[in-house]
Each structure stands twice: as C-alpha cells, then as structure tokens.
Amino acid sequence: MTFETDAAAFRRIMGHYPTGICAITGMHPDGKPVAMIVGSFTSVSLDPPLVAFFPDKASSSWPKIRACDGFCVNVLADDQEELCRVLASKNPDKFDGVTHDLSPRGAPIIEGALAWIDCSFHAIHEAGDHYITLGKVHALDIHHPGAPLLFHKGTYGTVTPLSRP
C-alpha cells in the first residue's frame, strides 16, 4: 500500500483514471483565435447549465483564454491526437491550418470535434496550483459522431465498447 502524497505519486496514481481531452478555445481581443488543451472538464449544474475546467496557473495559454469574452469547449475525437499536440504546444500561431467555424458567441468550433459547448465565464476560483473555471452554457451541439480522444497512464487512447450478451 502506498501512502505517498508527493506530486509525482499523486500524478502517477491519478493517471489510472482516464480523462477525455478538450480544446478550450476563444477569440482573443486582438482578433486571433486561441486555444488550450485540458483533460479536466466536467458538467456542474443543469439549472443553470454550468460546466467547469481546471487550467494550471503556470499555463502560458490560460491568460490568453481568460482575456476572451468567453470560451468554447471542443470535445476532441479519437482521430485528433495530432491536433491535440499542436493546440497544446507553445506555438503562438496554433490555429495555422486548423479549420474551424465560430460559435454563436464567436469562439472557434474545431472541425472534427465531437461536440462543442459555447460559454461565458461564470466564476473563477483559485484551487492550489490550478483555477476552477466555471462557464455558463449558452449553446451546445453534437458536431461530429465518433469516439472521444482519451488520456490514460500518460498515453492517448480511445473508447473500446464492451460487448454485451
């Protein structure tokens, strides 16, 4: 039994829990689309409809998203691993060659994403070395059928349906 509580042990143990991968996008006040990748996204409330994601305080992309009027959550598909890597990079022009439409509130909806959720910022709370970012949902839709891109034990993966009798 392990009773370690250091950051490395915490990361290793939490890595056993698979997470979906989302691209959080926004339109920066300078008119350029911005993005960050998160594996920590969840629904919070039905009334009012709220979602949350948890950006790292040290993220270089988070201040760019925070400067936007709102954000769009793009649920990435299992064939978007390379796109995920591009949007997670430090490249200042992450959207070069990335096909996208705009959500009703003006944030990028990435082509090929499974679903999108268009939000305004509802609240932001400090939580250790991260923020808890709550978004009020204004519009959402299924964009593309398929399976989600997952992250588990340090690698990308996908859902394998269980066979049922």
N, C-alpha and C. Protein backbone atom coordinates (compact mmCIF):
# COMPACT_ATOMS: atom_id res chain seq x y z
N MET A 1 0.85 -1.17 0.00
CA MET A 1 0.00 0.00 0.00
C MET A 1 0.90 1.23 0.00
N THR A 2 0.52 2.24 -0.80
CA THR A 2 1.31 3.47 -0.90
C THR A 2 0.62 4.59 -0.14
N PHE A 3 1.40 5.26 0.70
CA PHE A 3 0.87 6.40 1.45
C PHE A 3 1.58 7.68 1.06
N GLU A 4 2.28 7.65 -0.09
CA GLU A 4 2.98 8.84 -0.55
C GLU A 4 1.96 9.92 -0.92
N THR A 5 2.33 11.16 -0.67
CA THR A 5 1.47 12.26 -1.08
C THR A 5 2.24 13.30 -1.88
N ASP A 6 3.44 12.96 -2.34
CA ASP A 6 4.19 13.92 -3.13
C ASP A 6 3.57 14.04 -4.52
N ALA A 7 3.95 15.08 -5.26
CA ALA A 7 3.35 15.38 -6.56
C ALA A 7 3.53 14.24 -7.57
N ALA A 8 4.69 13.61 -7.59
CA ALA A 8 4.93 12.52 -8.54
C ALA A 8 4.01 11.33 -8.26
N ALA A 9 3.86 10.97 -6.99
CA ALA A 9 2.98 9.86 -6.64
C ALA A 9 1.52 10.21 -6.96
N PHE A 10 1.14 11.43 -6.65
CA PHE A 10 -0.23 11.88 -6.92
C PHE A 10 -0.53 11.79 -8.43
N ARG A 11 0.39 12.29 -9.25
CA ARG A 11 0.22 12.26 -10.71
C ARG A 11 0.14 10.81 -11.20
N ARG A 12 1.02 9.94 -10.68
CA ARG A 12 1.05 8.54 -11.11
C ARG A 12 -0.26 7.84 -10.76
N ILE A 13 -0.75 8.03 -9.56
CA ILE A 13 -1.99 7.37 -9.13
C ILE A 13 -3.19 7.93 -9.90
N MET A 14 -3.26 9.26 -10.05
CA MET A 14 -4.39 9.87 -10.77
C MET A 14 -4.38 9.49 -12.25
N GLY A 15 -3.20 9.15 -12.78
CA GLY A 15 -3.09 8.71 -14.17
C GLY A 15 -3.85 7.43 -14.46
N HIS A 16 -4.25 6.71 -13.43
CA HIS A 16 -5.04 5.49 -13.61
C HIS A 16 -6.50 5.80 -13.95
N TYR A 17 -6.88 7.06 -13.79
CA TYR A 17 -8.24 7.46 -14.11
C TYR A 17 -8.23 8.09 -15.50
N PRO A 18 -8.89 7.50 -16.49
CA PRO A 18 -8.86 8.06 -17.84
C PRO A 18 -9.66 9.36 -17.90
N THR A 19 -9.18 10.28 -18.72
CA THR A 19 -9.88 11.55 -18.91
C THR A 19 -10.09 11.80 -20.39
N GLY A 20 -11.18 12.47 -20.70
CA GLY A 20 -11.40 12.94 -22.05
C GLY A 20 -10.55 14.18 -22.28
N ILE A 21 -10.32 14.51 -23.53
CA ILE A 21 -9.48 15.66 -23.85
C ILE A 21 -10.32 16.69 -24.60
N CYS A 22 -10.26 17.91 -24.11
CA CYS A 22 -11.00 19.01 -24.72
C CYS A 22 -10.05 20.13 -25.10
N ALA A 23 -10.38 20.81 -26.18
CA ALA A 23 -9.70 22.04 -26.55
C ALA A 23 -10.61 23.18 -26.11
N ILE A 24 -10.09 24.03 -25.24
CA ILE A 24 -10.80 25.24 -24.83
C ILE A 24 -10.35 26.33 -25.78
N THR A 25 -11.30 26.93 -26.50
CA THR A 25 -10.95 27.93 -27.50
C THR A 25 -11.63 29.26 -27.18
N GLY A 26 -11.07 30.31 -27.71
CA GLY A 26 -11.66 31.64 -27.57
C GLY A 26 -11.15 32.53 -28.67
N MET A 27 -11.81 33.67 -28.81
CA MET A 27 -11.35 34.68 -29.76
C MET A 27 -10.76 35.82 -28.93
N HIS A 28 -9.45 35.97 -29.01
CA HIS A 28 -8.73 36.97 -28.24
C HIS A 28 -9.16 38.38 -28.68
N PRO A 29 -9.09 39.36 -27.80
CA PRO A 29 -9.45 40.73 -28.19
C PRO A 29 -8.66 41.26 -29.39
N ASP A 30 -7.46 40.68 -29.66
CA ASP A 30 -6.68 41.11 -30.83
C ASP A 30 -7.20 40.49 -32.13
N GLY A 31 -8.29 39.69 -32.04
CA GLY A 31 -8.90 39.10 -33.23
C GLY A 31 -8.35 37.75 -33.63
N LYS A 32 -7.40 37.22 -32.85
CA LYS A 32 -6.80 35.92 -33.18
C LYS A 32 -7.42 34.82 -32.31
N PRO A 33 -7.66 33.64 -32.91
CA PRO A 33 -8.16 32.52 -32.11
C PRO A 33 -7.06 31.97 -31.19
N VAL A 34 -7.45 31.57 -29.99
CA VAL A 34 -6.52 31.00 -29.02
C VAL A 34 -7.09 29.68 -28.51
N ALA A 35 -6.20 28.83 -28.00
CA ALA A 35 -6.65 27.52 -27.51
C ALA A 35 -5.73 27.00 -26.43
N MET A 36 -6.29 26.14 -25.61
CA MET A 36 -5.51 25.34 -24.66
C MET A 36 -6.17 23.98 -24.56
N ILE A 37 -5.39 22.98 -24.22
CA ILE A 37 -5.88 21.61 -24.06
C ILE A 37 -6.06 21.32 -22.58
N VAL A 38 -7.18 20.71 -22.24
CA VAL A 38 -7.43 20.30 -20.86
C VAL A 38 -7.92 18.85 -20.83
N GLY A 39 -7.57 18.16 -19.78
CA GLY A 39 -8.09 16.82 -19.51
C GLY A 39 -9.01 16.86 -18.32
N SER A 40 -9.21 18.05 -17.79
CA SER A 40 -10.05 18.21 -16.61
C SER A 40 -11.24 19.08 -16.98
N PHE A 41 -12.32 18.43 -17.37
CA PHE A 41 -13.55 19.11 -17.79
C PHE A 41 -14.72 18.32 -17.24
N THR A 42 -15.75 19.03 -16.79
CA THR A 42 -16.91 18.34 -16.23
C THR A 42 -18.16 19.20 -16.33
N SER A 43 -19.31 18.54 -16.34
CA SER A 43 -20.56 19.27 -16.17
C SER A 43 -20.72 19.55 -14.68
N VAL A 44 -21.39 20.63 -14.35
CA VAL A 44 -21.52 21.04 -12.95
C VAL A 44 -22.99 21.14 -12.54
N SER A 45 -23.80 21.78 -13.37
CA SER A 45 -25.18 22.08 -12.99
C SER A 45 -26.08 22.05 -14.21
N LEU A 46 -27.32 21.59 -14.01
CA LEU A 46 -28.33 21.64 -15.08
C LEU A 46 -29.12 22.94 -15.04
N ASP A 47 -29.30 23.50 -13.84
CA ASP A 47 -30.10 24.71 -13.69
C ASP A 47 -29.44 25.68 -12.73
N PRO A 48 -28.68 26.64 -13.22
CA PRO A 48 -28.43 26.94 -14.62
C PRO A 48 -27.42 25.96 -15.21
N PRO A 49 -27.36 25.85 -16.54
CA PRO A 49 -26.37 24.94 -17.13
C PRO A 49 -24.96 25.51 -16.96
N LEU A 50 -24.14 24.77 -16.21
CA LEU A 50 -22.76 25.18 -15.94
C LEU A 50 -21.81 24.03 -16.21
N VAL A 51 -20.63 24.35 -16.70
CA VAL A 51 -19.54 23.39 -16.88
C VAL A 51 -18.31 23.96 -16.20
N ALA A 52 -17.27 23.12 -16.06
CA ALA A 52 -16.03 23.60 -15.44
C ALA A 52 -14.83 22.95 -16.10
N PHE A 53 -13.73 23.69 -16.11
CA PHE A 53 -12.43 23.14 -16.46
C PHE A 53 -11.42 23.76 -15.50
N PHE A 54 -10.22 23.17 -15.47
CA PHE A 54 -9.27 23.49 -14.41
C PHE A 54 -7.89 23.83 -14.97
N PRO A 55 -7.68 25.06 -15.45
CA PRO A 55 -6.37 25.41 -16.03
C PRO A 55 -5.29 25.55 -14.96
N ASP A 56 -4.10 25.16 -15.33
CA ASP A 56 -2.92 25.30 -14.49
C ASP A 56 -2.55 26.78 -14.39
N LYS A 57 -2.25 27.27 -13.20
CA LYS A 57 -1.86 28.67 -13.02
C LYS A 57 -0.60 29.00 -13.82
N ALA A 58 0.25 28.02 -14.08
CA ALA A 58 1.50 28.25 -14.81
C ALA A 58 1.32 28.18 -16.33
N SER A 59 0.12 27.89 -16.80
CA SER A 59 -0.13 27.76 -18.24
C SER A 59 0.11 29.09 -18.95
N SER A 60 0.83 29.04 -20.06
CA SER A 60 1.01 30.24 -20.87
C SER A 60 -0.22 30.52 -21.73
N SER A 61 -1.07 29.54 -21.94
CA SER A 61 -2.28 29.71 -22.74
C SER A 61 -3.46 30.25 -21.93
N TRP A 62 -3.50 29.96 -20.64
CA TRP A 62 -4.63 30.37 -19.82
C TRP A 62 -4.86 31.89 -19.83
N PRO A 63 -3.84 32.74 -19.68
CA PRO A 63 -4.11 34.18 -19.73
C PRO A 63 -4.73 34.63 -21.06
N LYS A 64 -4.39 33.96 -22.14
CA LYS A 64 -4.98 34.30 -23.45
C LYS A 64 -6.46 33.92 -23.50
N ILE A 65 -6.79 32.77 -22.96
CA ILE A 65 -8.20 32.35 -22.88
C ILE A 65 -8.96 33.28 -21.94
N ARG A 66 -8.37 33.60 -20.82
CA ARG A 66 -9.03 34.46 -19.81
C ARG A 66 -9.33 35.85 -20.36
N ALA A 67 -8.53 36.31 -21.30
CA ALA A 67 -8.73 37.64 -21.89
C ALA A 67 -9.91 37.66 -22.88
N CYS A 68 -10.42 36.49 -23.24
CA CYS A 68 -11.53 36.40 -24.20
C CYS A 68 -12.86 36.73 -23.51
N ASP A 69 -13.86 36.99 -24.33
CA ASP A 69 -15.20 37.29 -23.83
C ASP A 69 -15.90 36.04 -23.30
N GLY A 70 -15.41 34.89 -23.63
CA GLY A 70 -15.97 33.61 -23.23
C GLY A 70 -15.12 32.53 -23.85
N PHE A 71 -15.62 31.32 -23.87
CA PHE A 71 -14.84 30.21 -24.40
C PHE A 71 -15.77 29.15 -24.96
N CYS A 72 -15.20 28.29 -25.79
CA CYS A 72 -15.93 27.16 -26.33
C CYS A 72 -15.15 25.89 -26.00
N VAL A 73 -15.83 24.92 -25.44
CA VAL A 73 -15.24 23.62 -25.16
C VAL A 73 -15.45 22.75 -26.39
N ASN A 74 -14.37 22.22 -26.95
CA ASN A 74 -14.41 21.32 -28.09
C ASN A 74 -14.00 19.94 -27.62
N VAL A 75 -14.91 18.98 -27.63
CA VAL A 75 -14.61 17.61 -27.22
C VAL A 75 -13.89 16.94 -28.39
N LEU A 76 -12.60 16.62 -28.20
CA LEU A 76 -11.81 16.09 -29.30
C LEU A 76 -12.13 14.63 -29.60
N ALA A 77 -12.07 14.30 -30.88
CA ALA A 77 -12.33 12.94 -31.35
C ALA A 77 -11.06 12.11 -31.31
N ASP A 78 -11.21 10.80 -31.33
CA ASP A 78 -10.06 9.90 -31.21
C ASP A 78 -9.09 9.98 -32.39
N ASP A 79 -9.47 10.63 -33.48
CA ASP A 79 -8.54 10.81 -34.60
C ASP A 79 -7.88 12.20 -34.58
N GLN A 80 -7.98 12.92 -33.46
CA GLN A 80 -7.44 14.28 -33.37
C GLN A 80 -6.23 14.39 -32.44
N GLU A 81 -5.50 13.29 -32.26
CA GLU A 81 -4.32 13.33 -31.39
C GLU A 81 -3.29 14.34 -31.87
N GLU A 82 -3.01 14.37 -33.16
CA GLU A 82 -2.01 15.31 -33.68
C GLU A 82 -2.48 16.75 -33.47
N LEU A 83 -3.75 17.02 -33.72
CA LEU A 83 -4.30 18.35 -33.45
C LEU A 83 -4.16 18.70 -31.98
N CYS A 84 -4.42 17.74 -31.11
CA CYS A 84 -4.26 17.94 -29.67
C CYS A 84 -2.84 18.40 -29.35
N ARG A 85 -1.86 17.73 -29.94
CA ARG A 85 -0.46 18.09 -29.69
C ARG A 85 -0.15 19.50 -30.20
N VAL A 86 -0.70 19.86 -31.34
CA VAL A 86 -0.48 21.21 -31.89
C VAL A 86 -1.09 22.26 -30.96
N LEU A 87 -2.33 22.04 -30.53
CA LEU A 87 -3.00 23.02 -29.69
C LEU A 87 -2.41 23.08 -28.28
N ALA A 88 -1.72 22.02 -27.87
CA ALA A 88 -1.07 22.00 -26.55
C ALA A 88 0.33 22.63 -26.60
N SER A 89 0.81 22.91 -27.80
CA SER A 89 2.18 23.42 -27.96
C SER A 89 2.28 24.89 -27.53
N LYS A 90 3.49 25.37 -27.49
CA LYS A 90 3.76 26.78 -27.16
C LYS A 90 3.75 27.65 -28.42
N ASN A 91 3.44 27.07 -29.57
CA ASN A 91 3.42 27.80 -30.83
C ASN A 91 2.45 28.99 -30.73
N PRO A 92 2.88 30.21 -31.04
CA PRO A 92 1.98 31.36 -30.95
C PRO A 92 0.88 31.36 -32.02
N ASP A 93 1.07 30.60 -33.09
CA ASP A 93 0.07 30.51 -34.16
C ASP A 93 -0.51 29.11 -34.22
N LYS A 94 -1.09 28.66 -33.12
CA LYS A 94 -1.63 27.30 -33.02
C LYS A 94 -2.70 27.01 -34.05
N PHE A 95 -3.40 28.04 -34.52
CA PHE A 95 -4.52 27.82 -35.43
C PHE A 95 -4.12 27.83 -36.90
N ASP A 96 -2.83 27.98 -37.20
CA ASP A 96 -2.41 27.89 -38.60
C ASP A 96 -2.79 26.53 -39.15
N GLY A 97 -3.65 26.50 -40.16
CA GLY A 97 -4.06 25.25 -40.78
C GLY A 97 -5.16 24.52 -40.05
N VAL A 98 -5.68 25.07 -38.96
CA VAL A 98 -6.76 24.42 -38.20
C VAL A 98 -8.10 24.96 -38.70
N THR A 99 -8.88 24.10 -39.34
CA THR A 99 -10.18 24.51 -39.87
C THR A 99 -11.18 24.62 -38.72
N HIS A 100 -11.89 25.73 -38.71
CA HIS A 100 -12.87 25.93 -37.64
C HIS A 100 -13.98 26.88 -38.11
N ASP A 101 -15.11 26.78 -37.46
CA ASP A 101 -16.22 27.72 -37.60
C ASP A 101 -16.25 28.54 -36.32
N LEU A 102 -17.21 29.44 -36.22
CA LEU A 102 -17.35 30.22 -35.00
C LEU A 102 -18.66 29.86 -34.30
N SER A 103 -18.60 29.79 -32.98
CA SER A 103 -19.77 29.52 -32.17
C SER A 103 -20.67 30.77 -32.18
N PRO A 104 -21.89 30.65 -31.67
CA PRO A 104 -22.77 31.83 -31.61
C PRO A 104 -22.15 33.02 -30.87
N ARG A 105 -21.29 32.75 -29.89
CA ARG A 105 -20.64 33.83 -29.14
C ARG A 105 -19.26 34.19 -29.72
N GLY A 106 -18.87 33.56 -30.84
CA GLY A 106 -17.66 33.96 -31.55
C GLY A 106 -16.39 33.20 -31.25
N ALA A 107 -16.46 32.10 -30.52
CA ALA A 107 -15.27 31.28 -30.23
C ALA A 107 -15.13 30.18 -31.28
N PRO A 108 -13.90 29.73 -31.55
CA PRO A 108 -13.70 28.69 -32.56
C PRO A 108 -14.32 27.34 -32.17
N ILE A 109 -15.04 26.77 -33.15
CA ILE A 109 -15.51 25.39 -33.08
C ILE A 109 -14.63 24.63 -34.06
N ILE A 110 -13.84 23.70 -33.55
CA ILE A 110 -12.85 22.99 -34.35
C ILE A 110 -13.52 21.91 -35.20
N GLU A 111 -13.19 21.93 -36.49
CA GLU A 111 -13.73 20.92 -37.39
C GLU A 111 -13.31 19.52 -36.91
N GLY A 112 -14.25 18.61 -36.89
CA GLY A 112 -13.97 17.24 -36.49
C GLY A 112 -14.15 16.97 -35.00
N ALA A 113 -14.32 18.03 -34.19
CA ALA A 113 -14.59 17.81 -32.76
C ALA A 113 -15.94 17.11 -32.62
N LEU A 114 -16.07 16.29 -31.59
CA LEU A 114 -17.32 15.54 -31.41
C LEU A 114 -18.48 16.44 -31.02
N ALA A 115 -18.21 17.38 -30.13
CA ALA A 115 -19.26 18.26 -29.63
C ALA A 115 -18.61 19.59 -29.24
N TRP A 116 -19.45 20.62 -29.13
CA TRP A 116 -18.97 21.91 -28.68
C TRP A 116 -19.96 22.50 -27.69
N ILE A 117 -19.40 23.29 -26.77
CA ILE A 117 -20.20 23.92 -25.72
C ILE A 117 -19.72 25.36 -25.62
N ASP A 118 -20.58 26.31 -25.95
CA ASP A 118 -20.26 27.73 -26.01
C ASP A 118 -20.63 28.39 -24.68
N CYS A 119 -19.66 29.04 -24.05
CA CYS A 119 -19.85 29.53 -22.68
C CYS A 119 -19.37 30.95 -22.46
N SER A 120 -19.94 31.59 -21.46
CA SER A 120 -19.38 32.82 -20.90
C SER A 120 -18.74 32.43 -19.57
N PHE A 121 -17.82 33.25 -19.10
CA PHE A 121 -17.22 32.99 -17.79
C PHE A 121 -18.26 33.28 -16.71
N HIS A 122 -18.46 32.31 -15.83
CA HIS A 122 -19.42 32.45 -14.73
C HIS A 122 -18.69 32.78 -13.43
N ALA A 123 -17.59 32.07 -13.15
CA ALA A 123 -16.79 32.31 -11.95
C ALA A 123 -15.44 31.63 -12.11
N ILE A 124 -14.44 32.18 -11.45
CA ILE A 124 -13.10 31.58 -11.44
C ILE A 124 -12.62 31.59 -10.00
N HIS A 125 -12.21 30.41 -9.51
CA HIS A 125 -11.75 30.27 -8.13
C HIS A 125 -10.34 29.69 -8.11
N GLU A 126 -9.53 30.15 -7.19
CA GLU A 126 -8.21 29.56 -7.00
C GLU A 126 -8.36 28.21 -6.32
N ALA A 127 -7.54 27.25 -6.75
CA ALA A 127 -7.56 25.91 -6.17
C ALA A 127 -6.15 25.34 -6.25
N GLY A 128 -5.32 25.63 -5.26
CA GLY A 128 -3.95 25.15 -5.28
C GLY A 128 -3.19 25.74 -6.44
N ASP A 129 -2.58 24.89 -7.28
CA ASP A 129 -1.81 25.39 -8.41
C ASP A 129 -2.65 25.49 -9.70
N HIS A 130 -3.97 25.39 -9.55
CA HIS A 130 -4.90 25.50 -10.68
C HIS A 130 -6.00 26.52 -10.35
N TYR A 131 -6.83 26.78 -11.34
CA TYR A 131 -8.06 27.55 -11.15
C TYR A 131 -9.23 26.62 -11.44
N ILE A 132 -10.34 26.85 -10.77
CA ILE A 132 -11.61 26.21 -11.12
C ILE A 132 -12.35 27.26 -11.94
N THR A 133 -12.55 26.97 -13.20
CA THR A 133 -13.19 27.92 -14.11
C THR A 133 -14.58 27.40 -14.45
N LEU A 134 -15.59 28.14 -14.02
CA LEU A 134 -16.97 27.78 -14.29
C LEU A 134 -17.47 28.58 -15.49
N GLY A 135 -18.13 27.88 -16.39
CA GLY A 135 -18.70 28.53 -17.56
C GLY A 135 -20.20 28.36 -17.61
N LYS A 136 -20.90 29.44 -17.93
CA LYS A 136 -22.35 29.36 -18.15
C LYS A 136 -22.57 28.99 -19.61
N VAL A 137 -23.31 27.92 -19.83
CA VAL A 137 -23.55 27.40 -21.18
C VAL A 137 -24.63 28.22 -21.87
N HIS A 138 -24.30 28.70 -23.09
CA HIS A 138 -25.25 29.47 -23.89
C HIS A 138 -25.75 28.68 -25.10
N ALA A 139 -24.90 27.81 -25.64
CA ALA A 139 -25.27 26.99 -26.80
C ALA A 139 -24.37 25.76 -26.80
N LEU A 140 -24.86 24.69 -27.38
CA LEU A 140 -24.07 23.46 -27.49
C LEU A 140 -24.68 22.57 -28.55
N ASP A 141 -23.84 21.68 -29.10
CA ASP A 141 -24.34 20.78 -30.13
C ASP A 141 -23.35 19.65 -30.34
N ILE A 142 -23.87 18.57 -30.91
CA ILE A 142 -23.01 17.49 -31.39
C ILE A 142 -22.55 17.92 -32.77
N HIS A 143 -21.25 17.89 -32.98
CA HIS A 143 -20.67 18.42 -34.20
C HIS A 143 -20.30 17.30 -35.17
N HIS A 144 -19.91 16.17 -34.60
CA HIS A 144 -19.37 15.08 -35.42
C HIS A 144 -19.53 13.78 -34.63
N PRO A 145 -20.12 12.74 -35.21
CA PRO A 145 -20.25 11.48 -34.47
C PRO A 145 -18.89 10.78 -34.35
N GLY A 146 -18.73 9.99 -33.34
CA GLY A 146 -17.49 9.24 -33.18
C GLY A 146 -17.16 8.98 -31.73
N ALA A 147 -15.93 8.59 -31.50
CA ALA A 147 -15.45 8.28 -30.15
C ALA A 147 -14.49 9.37 -29.68
N PRO A 148 -14.43 9.61 -28.37
CA PRO A 148 -13.58 10.67 -27.85
C PRO A 148 -12.11 10.25 -27.75
N LEU A 149 -11.24 11.26 -27.80
CA LEU A 149 -9.82 11.06 -27.51
C LEU A 149 -9.67 11.03 -25.99
N LEU A 150 -8.97 10.02 -25.49
CA LEU A 150 -8.78 9.86 -24.05
C LEU A 150 -7.30 9.94 -23.70
N PHE A 151 -7.03 10.22 -22.44
CA PHE A 151 -5.67 10.20 -21.91
C PHE A 151 -5.69 9.29 -20.69
N HIS A 152 -4.75 8.31 -20.67
CA HIS A 152 -4.73 7.33 -19.59
C HIS A 152 -3.30 6.84 -19.39
N LYS A 153 -2.79 6.95 -18.18
CA LYS A 153 -1.44 6.50 -17.84
C LYS A 153 -0.38 7.06 -18.77
N GLY A 154 -0.53 8.34 -19.12
CA GLY A 154 0.48 9.01 -19.92
C GLY A 154 0.41 8.78 -21.41
N THR A 155 -0.65 8.12 -21.89
CA THR A 155 -0.77 7.88 -23.33
C THR A 155 -2.18 8.22 -23.81
N TYR A 156 -2.29 8.45 -25.10
CA TYR A 156 -3.59 8.71 -25.72
C TYR A 156 -4.27 7.39 -26.04
N GLY A 157 -5.60 7.42 -26.03
CA GLY A 157 -6.35 6.21 -26.35
C GLY A 157 -7.75 6.56 -26.79
N THR A 158 -8.58 5.55 -26.89
CA THR A 158 -9.96 5.73 -27.30
C THR A 158 -10.84 4.76 -26.53
N VAL A 159 -12.13 4.89 -26.69
CA VAL A 159 -13.10 4.03 -26.03
C VAL A 159 -13.21 2.72 -26.83
N THR A 160 -13.17 1.62 -26.14
CA THR A 160 -13.45 0.33 -26.77
C THR A 160 -14.75 -0.17 -26.14
N PRO A 161 -15.83 -0.19 -26.91
CA PRO A 161 -17.10 -0.63 -26.35
C PRO A 161 -17.03 -2.06 -25.84
N LEU A 162 -17.69 -2.31 -24.72
CA LEU A 162 -17.78 -3.66 -24.18
C LEU A 162 -18.85 -4.42 -24.95
N SER A 163 -18.59 -5.67 -25.21
CA SER A 163 -19.62 -6.47 -25.86
C SER A 163 -20.58 -6.94 -24.79
N ARG A 164 -21.85 -6.84 -25.08
CA ARG A 164 -22.90 -7.24 -24.14
C ARG A 164 -23.68 -8.39 -24.75
N PRO A 165 -24.03 -9.38 -23.92
CA PRO A 165 -24.83 -10.50 -24.45
C PRO A 165 -26.22 -10.10 -24.85
